Amino acid sequence: MKEINLKTLCIAIQAVQDRIESLASELNENGTPEYQQNVQIDLFDHEMAADVLKELYIEKQKGVINFPSYDKLIQR
């Protein structure tokens, strides 16, 4: 299996973070209980993926000065 590089990891982290923010705002909108439950499940899955990506990023970013810290990477 090919190893993921830091740039690709950055893009994935930012895309997942954008989706988390979108899903979180959807929870504040009206919808059927079934729809809201599906949004909550999707949000949970994305948060779990974000945790895995965060761990991987922190591990790969150690000692690399031209990539931001994880917290700066996800800042808006």
N, C-alpha and C. Protein backbone atom coordinates (compact mmCIF):
# COMPACT_ATOMS: atom_id res chain seq x y z
N MET A 1 0.84 -1.17 0.00
CA MET A 1 0.00 0.00 0.00
C MET A 1 0.89 1.24 0.00
N LYS A 2 0.48 2.23 -0.74
CA LYS A 2 1.21 3.48 -0.83
C LYS A 2 1.02 4.29 0.46
N GLU A 3 2.08 4.95 0.90
CA GLU A 3 2.01 5.76 2.11
C GLU A 3 1.50 7.16 1.76
N ILE A 4 0.69 7.72 2.63
CA ILE A 4 0.13 9.05 2.41
C ILE A 4 1.16 10.11 2.81
N ASN A 5 1.31 11.14 1.97
CA ASN A 5 2.26 12.21 2.31
C ASN A 5 1.55 13.32 3.09
N LEU A 6 2.33 14.21 3.66
CA LEU A 6 1.77 15.26 4.52
C LEU A 6 0.82 16.19 3.77
N LYS A 7 1.14 16.55 2.54
CA LYS A 7 0.28 17.47 1.78
C LYS A 7 -1.09 16.84 1.55
N THR A 8 -1.11 15.59 1.15
CA THR A 8 -2.37 14.89 0.93
C THR A 8 -3.14 14.76 2.24
N LEU A 9 -2.43 14.50 3.31
CA LEU A 9 -3.05 14.40 4.63
C LEU A 9 -3.67 15.74 5.04
N CYS A 10 -2.99 16.83 4.76
CA CYS A 10 -3.53 18.17 5.05
C CYS A 10 -4.85 18.39 4.32
N ILE A 11 -4.88 18.04 3.04
CA ILE A 11 -6.09 18.22 2.24
C ILE A 11 -7.23 17.37 2.79
N ALA A 12 -6.93 16.14 3.16
CA ALA A 12 -7.96 15.25 3.72
C ALA A 12 -8.49 15.79 5.04
N ILE A 13 -7.61 16.26 5.90
CA ILE A 13 -8.01 16.80 7.20
C ILE A 13 -8.92 18.01 7.01
N GLN A 14 -8.54 18.91 6.13
CA GLN A 14 -9.35 20.10 5.89
C GLN A 14 -10.70 19.75 5.28
N ALA A 15 -10.74 18.77 4.39
CA ALA A 15 -12.01 18.35 3.79
C ALA A 15 -12.94 17.73 4.84
N VAL A 16 -12.39 16.89 5.69
CA VAL A 16 -13.20 16.27 6.74
C VAL A 16 -13.68 17.34 7.73
N GLN A 17 -12.81 18.28 8.07
CA GLN A 17 -13.20 19.36 8.98
C GLN A 17 -14.32 20.20 8.39
N ASP A 18 -14.24 20.51 7.09
CA ASP A 18 -15.31 21.26 6.42
C ASP A 18 -16.63 20.50 6.49
N ARG A 19 -16.57 19.20 6.28
CA ARG A 19 -17.79 18.39 6.33
C ARG A 19 -18.35 18.33 7.75
N ILE A 20 -17.49 18.24 8.74
CA ILE A 20 -17.95 18.25 10.14
C ILE A 20 -18.70 19.55 10.44
N GLU A 21 -18.14 20.66 10.01
CA GLU A 21 -18.79 21.95 10.24
C GLU A 21 -20.13 22.04 9.52
N SER A 22 -20.18 21.51 8.31
CA SER A 22 -21.43 21.51 7.55
C SER A 22 -22.48 20.64 8.23
N LEU A 23 -22.08 19.46 8.65
CA LEU A 23 -23.02 18.57 9.34
C LEU A 23 -23.49 19.16 10.66
N ALA A 24 -22.60 19.79 11.39
CA ALA A 24 -22.98 20.40 12.67
C ALA A 24 -24.02 21.50 12.45
N SER A 25 -23.88 22.26 11.38
CA SER A 25 -24.88 23.30 11.11
C SER A 25 -26.20 22.69 10.65
N GLU A 26 -26.15 21.54 9.99
CA GLU A 26 -27.38 20.85 9.59
C GLU A 26 -28.18 20.38 10.80
N LEU A 27 -27.49 20.08 11.88
CA LEU A 27 -28.20 19.64 13.09
C LEU A 27 -29.09 20.75 13.65
N ASN A 28 -28.76 22.00 13.34
CA ASN A 28 -29.54 23.13 13.83
C ASN A 28 -30.73 23.45 12.93
N GLU A 29 -30.81 22.77 11.79
CA GLU A 29 -31.91 23.00 10.87
C GLU A 29 -33.05 22.03 11.17
N ASN A 30 -34.23 22.41 10.73
CA ASN A 30 -35.38 21.53 10.90
C ASN A 30 -35.28 20.36 9.94
N GLY A 31 -35.79 19.27 10.35
CA GLY A 31 -35.81 18.07 9.53
C GLY A 31 -36.54 16.98 10.28
N THR A 32 -36.86 15.94 9.60
CA THR A 32 -37.55 14.84 10.26
C THR A 32 -36.61 14.21 11.29
N PRO A 33 -37.15 13.57 12.29
CA PRO A 33 -36.29 12.89 13.27
C PRO A 33 -35.35 11.89 12.61
N GLU A 34 -35.83 11.19 11.59
CA GLU A 34 -34.99 10.22 10.88
C GLU A 34 -33.82 10.93 10.18
N TYR A 35 -34.11 12.06 9.55
CA TYR A 35 -33.06 12.84 8.87
C TYR A 35 -32.03 13.32 9.89
N GLN A 36 -32.50 13.86 11.00
CA GLN A 36 -31.59 14.35 12.04
C GLN A 36 -30.72 13.23 12.61
N GLN A 37 -31.31 12.05 12.76
CA GLN A 37 -30.54 10.91 13.25
C GLN A 37 -29.45 10.53 12.25
N ASN A 38 -29.78 10.56 10.96
CA ASN A 38 -28.79 10.25 9.93
C ASN A 38 -27.66 11.27 9.92
N VAL A 39 -28.00 12.53 10.13
CA VAL A 39 -26.98 13.58 10.20
C VAL A 39 -26.08 13.34 11.41
N GLN A 40 -26.67 12.99 12.54
CA GLN A 40 -25.87 12.71 13.74
C GLN A 40 -24.91 11.55 13.53
N ILE A 41 -25.39 10.51 12.87
CA ILE A 41 -24.53 9.35 12.59
C ILE A 41 -23.40 9.74 11.65
N ASP A 42 -23.72 10.49 10.62
CA ASP A 42 -22.71 10.94 9.66
C ASP A 42 -21.68 11.85 10.36
N LEU A 43 -22.16 12.72 11.22
CA LEU A 43 -21.27 13.60 11.97
C LEU A 43 -20.33 12.79 12.86
N PHE A 44 -20.88 11.82 13.55
CA PHE A 44 -20.06 10.96 14.41
C PHE A 44 -18.98 10.25 13.60
N ASP A 45 -19.37 9.69 12.45
CA ASP A 45 -18.40 8.99 11.60
C ASP A 45 -17.28 9.93 11.15
N HIS A 46 -17.63 11.15 10.78
CA HIS A 46 -16.61 12.12 10.35
C HIS A 46 -15.72 12.54 11.52
N GLU A 47 -16.29 12.66 12.70
CA GLU A 47 -15.47 13.00 13.87
C GLU A 47 -14.48 11.87 14.20
N MET A 48 -14.91 10.65 14.04
CA MET A 48 -14.00 9.51 14.26
C MET A 48 -12.88 9.50 13.21
N ALA A 49 -13.23 9.78 11.97
CA ALA A 49 -12.23 9.87 10.91
C ALA A 49 -11.26 11.01 11.20
N ALA A 50 -11.78 12.13 11.68
CA ALA A 50 -10.92 13.28 12.01
C ALA A 50 -9.92 12.91 13.11
N ASP A 51 -10.35 12.13 14.08
CA ASP A 51 -9.45 11.70 15.15
C ASP A 51 -8.29 10.86 14.61
N VAL A 52 -8.62 9.95 13.69
CA VAL A 52 -7.58 9.10 13.09
C VAL A 52 -6.61 9.94 12.27
N LEU A 53 -7.15 10.86 11.47
CA LEU A 53 -6.31 11.73 10.66
C LEU A 53 -5.43 12.63 11.53
N LYS A 54 -5.99 13.09 12.64
CA LYS A 54 -5.22 13.94 13.55
C LYS A 54 -4.02 13.18 14.10
N GLU A 55 -4.24 11.98 14.57
CA GLU A 55 -3.14 11.17 15.12
C GLU A 55 -2.05 10.95 14.07
N LEU A 56 -2.48 10.61 12.87
CA LEU A 56 -1.53 10.37 11.79
C LEU A 56 -0.76 11.64 11.44
N TYR A 57 -1.47 12.77 11.37
CA TYR A 57 -0.82 14.03 11.03
C TYR A 57 0.21 14.41 12.09
N ILE A 58 -0.16 14.33 13.35
CA ILE A 58 0.76 14.69 14.43
C ILE A 58 2.01 13.82 14.38
N GLU A 59 1.84 12.55 14.10
CA GLU A 59 2.97 11.63 14.01
C GLU A 59 3.88 12.00 12.83
N LYS A 60 3.28 12.26 11.67
CA LYS A 60 4.07 12.56 10.47
C LYS A 60 4.67 13.96 10.49
N GLN A 61 4.04 14.89 11.20
CA GLN A 61 4.46 16.29 11.20
C GLN A 61 5.63 16.54 12.13
N LYS A 62 5.92 15.63 13.03
CA LYS A 62 7.02 15.81 13.98
C LYS A 62 8.32 16.07 13.23
N GLY A 63 8.98 17.17 13.61
CA GLY A 63 10.26 17.50 13.02
C GLY A 63 10.18 18.15 11.65
N VAL A 64 8.98 18.36 11.14
CA VAL A 64 8.81 19.00 9.84
C VAL A 64 8.37 20.44 10.09
N ILE A 65 9.18 21.39 9.69
CA ILE A 65 8.89 22.79 10.03
C ILE A 65 8.03 23.53 9.01
N ASN A 66 7.89 22.99 7.80
CA ASN A 66 7.14 23.72 6.79
C ASN A 66 5.66 23.31 6.71
N PHE A 67 5.17 22.62 7.73
CA PHE A 67 3.75 22.30 7.84
C PHE A 67 3.26 22.80 9.19
N PRO A 68 2.04 23.35 9.24
CA PRO A 68 1.53 23.90 10.50
C PRO A 68 1.18 22.82 11.51
N SER A 69 1.00 23.24 12.75
CA SER A 69 0.51 22.32 13.76
C SER A 69 -0.92 21.92 13.37
N TYR A 70 -1.42 20.83 13.94
CA TYR A 70 -2.77 20.37 13.63
C TYR A 70 -3.80 21.45 13.96
N ASP A 71 -3.64 22.08 15.12
CA ASP A 71 -4.62 23.11 15.52
C ASP A 71 -4.66 24.27 14.53
N LYS A 72 -3.50 24.68 14.03
CA LYS A 72 -3.48 25.77 13.05
C LYS A 72 -4.06 25.31 11.71
N LEU A 73 -3.86 24.04 11.41
CA LEU A 73 -4.36 23.50 10.15
C LEU A 73 -5.88 23.55 10.06
N ILE A 74 -6.57 23.34 11.18
CA ILE A 74 -8.04 23.30 11.16
C ILE A 74 -8.68 24.63 11.58
N GLN A 75 -7.88 25.63 11.88
CA GLN A 75 -8.43 26.94 12.27
C GLN A 75 -9.15 27.58 11.10
N ARG A 76 -10.16 28.34 11.43
CA ARG A 76 -10.90 29.12 10.43
C ARG A 76 -10.67 30.57 10.65
